[in-house]
C-alpha cells in the first residue's frame, strides 16, 4: 500500500466524504505551494525594469504600494 492510499484510507475512516489518493495528493501539494509562496515571496529588484508599464503607471503603482 502506498503512502497516499494509507492517508486516504485513514481520512475516509474518520470523514463522511470519501476521497481518492489523487484528491489528497493534489490538496496537500496545493497547500505546500501556498505555504512556500507565503514564506518565500518573490522579490523584485529596485533596478529591474517594469516593461509592461509606462511612466504614469509606474508612479501610480509606487505611490499605491506605500499606502
N, C-alpha and C. Protein backbone atom coordinates (compact mmCIF):
# COMPACT_ATOMS: atom_id res chain seq x y z
N UNK A 1 0.85 -1.17 0.00
CA UNK A 1 0.00 0.00 0.00
C UNK A 1 0.90 1.25 0.00
N UNK A 2 0.56 2.21 -0.86
CA UNK A 2 1.37 3.43 -0.95
C UNK A 2 0.99 4.40 0.18
N UNK A 3 1.81 5.40 0.34
CA UNK A 3 1.57 6.41 1.37
C UNK A 3 0.25 7.12 1.13
N UNK A 4 -0.02 7.49 -0.13
CA UNK A 4 -1.26 8.20 -0.44
C UNK A 4 -2.47 7.33 -0.17
N UNK A 5 -2.38 6.05 -0.47
CA UNK A 5 -3.50 5.15 -0.19
C UNK A 5 -3.74 5.02 1.31
N UNK A 6 -2.68 4.95 2.08
CA UNK A 6 -2.80 4.85 3.53
C UNK A 6 -3.44 6.11 4.11
N UNK A 7 -2.97 7.27 3.66
CA UNK A 7 -3.54 8.54 4.13
C UNK A 7 -5.02 8.61 3.77
N UNK A 8 -5.35 8.21 2.54
CA UNK A 8 -6.74 8.23 2.07
C UNK A 8 -7.61 7.31 2.91
N UNK A 9 -7.12 6.13 3.18
CA UNK A 9 -7.88 5.16 3.97
C UNK A 9 -8.16 5.71 5.38
N UNK A 10 -7.15 6.28 6.00
CA UNK A 10 -7.34 6.85 7.34
C UNK A 10 -8.31 8.03 7.31
N UNK A 11 -8.20 8.89 6.31
CA UNK A 11 -9.11 10.03 6.19
C UNK A 11 -10.54 9.55 5.99
N UNK A 12 -10.73 8.60 5.09
CA UNK A 12 -12.08 8.12 4.78
C UNK A 12 -12.73 7.41 5.98
N UNK A 13 -11.95 6.83 6.85
CA UNK A 13 -12.50 6.20 8.06
C UNK A 13 -13.09 7.24 9.01
N UNK A 14 -12.49 8.42 9.05
CA UNK A 14 -12.88 9.44 10.01
C UNK A 14 -13.80 10.52 9.42
N UNK A 15 -14.09 10.45 8.15
CA UNK A 15 -14.84 11.52 7.49
C UNK A 15 -16.06 10.95 6.78
N UNK A 16 -17.07 11.80 6.63
CA UNK A 16 -18.27 11.39 5.90
C UNK A 16 -18.04 11.41 4.39
N UNK A 17 -17.16 12.30 3.93
CA UNK A 17 -16.87 12.36 2.50
C UNK A 17 -15.76 11.37 2.15
N UNK A 18 -15.88 10.77 1.01
CA UNK A 18 -14.90 9.79 0.56
C UNK A 18 -13.99 10.42 -0.50
N UNK A 19 -12.70 10.30 -0.29
CA UNK A 19 -11.73 10.88 -1.21
C UNK A 19 -10.88 9.80 -1.86
N UNK A 20 -10.18 10.22 -2.91
CA UNK A 20 -9.24 9.31 -3.57
C UNK A 20 -7.82 9.76 -3.21
N UNK A 21 -6.85 8.88 -3.37
CA UNK A 21 -5.46 9.29 -3.12
C UNK A 21 -5.04 10.49 -3.96
N UNK A 22 -5.57 10.57 -5.18
CA UNK A 22 -5.23 11.69 -6.06
C UNK A 22 -5.73 13.02 -5.51
N UNK A 23 -6.97 13.00 -4.94
CA UNK A 23 -7.51 14.23 -4.33
C UNK A 23 -6.63 14.72 -3.20
N UNK A 24 -6.27 13.82 -2.31
CA UNK A 24 -5.47 14.20 -1.15
C UNK A 24 -4.09 14.67 -1.58
N UNK A 25 -3.50 14.00 -2.54
CA UNK A 25 -2.18 14.42 -3.04
C UNK A 25 -2.26 15.83 -3.63
N UNK A 26 -3.32 16.09 -4.40
CA UNK A 26 -3.48 17.42 -5.01
C UNK A 26 -3.69 18.49 -3.93
N UNK A 27 -4.52 18.21 -2.93
CA UNK A 27 -4.76 19.17 -1.86
C UNK A 27 -3.48 19.47 -1.10
N UNK A 28 -2.74 18.44 -0.75
CA UNK A 28 -1.50 18.65 0.01
C UNK A 28 -0.45 19.39 -0.83
N UNK A 29 -0.38 19.08 -2.12
CA UNK A 29 0.55 19.79 -3.00
C UNK A 29 0.18 21.28 -3.10
N UNK A 30 -1.12 21.56 -3.22
CA UNK A 30 -1.58 22.95 -3.28
C UNK A 30 -1.28 23.68 -1.97
N UNK A 31 -1.48 23.00 -0.85
CA UNK A 31 -1.17 23.61 0.45
C UNK A 31 0.32 23.90 0.57
N UNK A 32 1.15 22.95 0.16
CA UNK A 32 2.60 23.14 0.23
C UNK A 32 3.03 24.32 -0.65
N UNK A 33 2.43 24.42 -1.82
CA UNK A 33 2.77 25.53 -2.72
C UNK A 33 2.36 26.87 -2.09
N UNK A 34 1.18 26.92 -1.49
CA UNK A 34 0.73 28.15 -0.84
C UNK A 34 1.64 28.54 0.32
N UNK A 35 2.09 27.56 1.09
CA UNK A 35 3.00 27.84 2.21
C UNK A 35 4.32 28.38 1.69
N UNK A 36 4.85 27.78 0.61
CA UNK A 36 6.11 28.26 0.04
C UNK A 36 5.98 29.70 -0.46
N UNK A 37 4.88 30.01 -1.12
CA UNK A 37 4.66 31.38 -1.62
C UNK A 37 4.57 32.36 -0.46
N UNK A 38 3.91 31.94 0.63
CA UNK A 38 3.78 32.81 1.80
C UNK A 38 5.13 33.02 2.49
N UNK A 39 5.87 31.94 2.69
CA UNK A 39 7.13 32.03 3.43
C UNK A 39 8.27 32.63 2.61
N UNK A 40 8.25 32.43 1.32
CA UNK A 40 9.33 32.90 0.45
C UNK A 40 8.75 33.71 -0.71
N UNK A 41 8.25 34.92 -0.43
CA UNK A 41 7.65 35.72 -1.51
C UNK A 41 8.70 36.13 -2.54
N UNK A 42 8.24 36.31 -3.75
CA UNK A 42 9.15 36.76 -4.80
C UNK A 42 9.54 38.20 -4.53
N UNK A 43 10.81 38.47 -4.69
CA UNK A 43 11.27 39.85 -4.51
C UNK A 43 11.62 40.44 -5.87
N UNK A 44 11.42 41.73 -5.98
CA UNK A 44 11.72 42.43 -7.23
C UNK A 44 12.83 43.43 -6.94
N UNK A 45 13.85 43.40 -7.75
CA UNK A 45 14.96 44.33 -7.60
C UNK A 45 14.49 45.75 -7.91
N UNK A 46 15.03 46.71 -7.19
CA UNK A 46 14.71 48.10 -7.44
C UNK A 46 15.15 48.51 -8.84
N UNK A 47 16.22 47.90 -9.33
CA UNK A 47 16.74 48.25 -10.64
C UNK A 47 16.04 47.52 -11.79
N UNK A 48 15.16 46.59 -11.47
CA UNK A 48 14.51 45.81 -12.53
C UNK A 48 13.52 46.68 -13.28
N UNK A 49 13.55 46.66 -14.62
CA UNK A 49 12.59 47.46 -15.39
C UNK A 49 11.20 46.84 -15.34
N UNK A 50 10.21 47.68 -15.32
CA UNK A 50 8.82 47.22 -15.40
C UNK A 50 8.40 47.42 -16.85
N UNK A 51 8.58 46.41 -17.65
CA UNK A 51 8.44 46.53 -19.10
C UNK A 51 7.02 46.80 -19.57
N UNK A 52 6.02 46.36 -18.82
CA UNK A 52 4.65 46.49 -19.30
C UNK A 52 3.96 47.75 -18.80
N UNK A 53 4.67 48.63 -18.13
CA UNK A 53 4.07 49.85 -17.60
C UNK A 53 4.73 51.08 -18.20
N UNK A 54 3.91 52.11 -18.44
CA UNK A 54 4.51 53.38 -18.84
C UNK A 54 4.83 54.19 -17.58
N UNK A 55 5.43 55.34 -17.72
CA UNK A 55 5.89 56.12 -16.56
C UNK A 55 4.76 56.46 -15.60
N UNK A 56 3.60 56.84 -16.11
CA UNK A 56 2.47 57.20 -15.24
C UNK A 56 1.99 56.00 -14.43
N UNK A 57 1.95 54.85 -15.05
CA UNK A 57 1.52 53.64 -14.33
C UNK A 57 2.53 53.26 -13.25
N UNK A 58 3.81 53.43 -13.53
CA UNK A 58 4.85 53.10 -12.54
C UNK A 58 4.73 54.02 -11.34
N UNK A 59 4.54 55.33 -11.59
CA UNK A 59 4.41 56.28 -10.49
C UNK A 59 3.17 55.95 -9.66
N UNK A 60 2.06 55.65 -10.32
CA UNK A 60 0.84 55.27 -9.59
C UNK A 60 1.07 54.01 -8.79
N UNK A 61 1.70 53.01 -9.39
CA UNK A 61 1.95 51.75 -8.70
C UNK A 61 2.81 51.94 -7.46
N UNK A 62 3.88 52.75 -7.59
CA UNK A 62 4.77 53.01 -6.45
C UNK A 62 4.01 53.75 -5.36
N UNK A 63 3.23 54.76 -5.71
CA UNK A 63 2.52 55.52 -4.69
C UNK A 63 1.44 54.66 -4.03
N UNK A 64 0.83 53.76 -4.76
CA UNK A 64 -0.19 52.88 -4.20
C UNK A 64 0.43 51.87 -3.24
N UNK A 65 1.65 51.41 -3.51
CA UNK A 65 2.33 50.43 -2.66
C UNK A 65 2.71 51.01 -1.31
N UNK A 66 2.84 52.31 -1.21
CA UNK A 66 3.25 52.94 0.05
C UNK A 66 2.09 53.20 1.00
N UNK A 67 0.88 52.95 0.56
CA UNK A 67 -0.30 53.20 1.40
C UNK A 67 -0.39 52.18 2.50
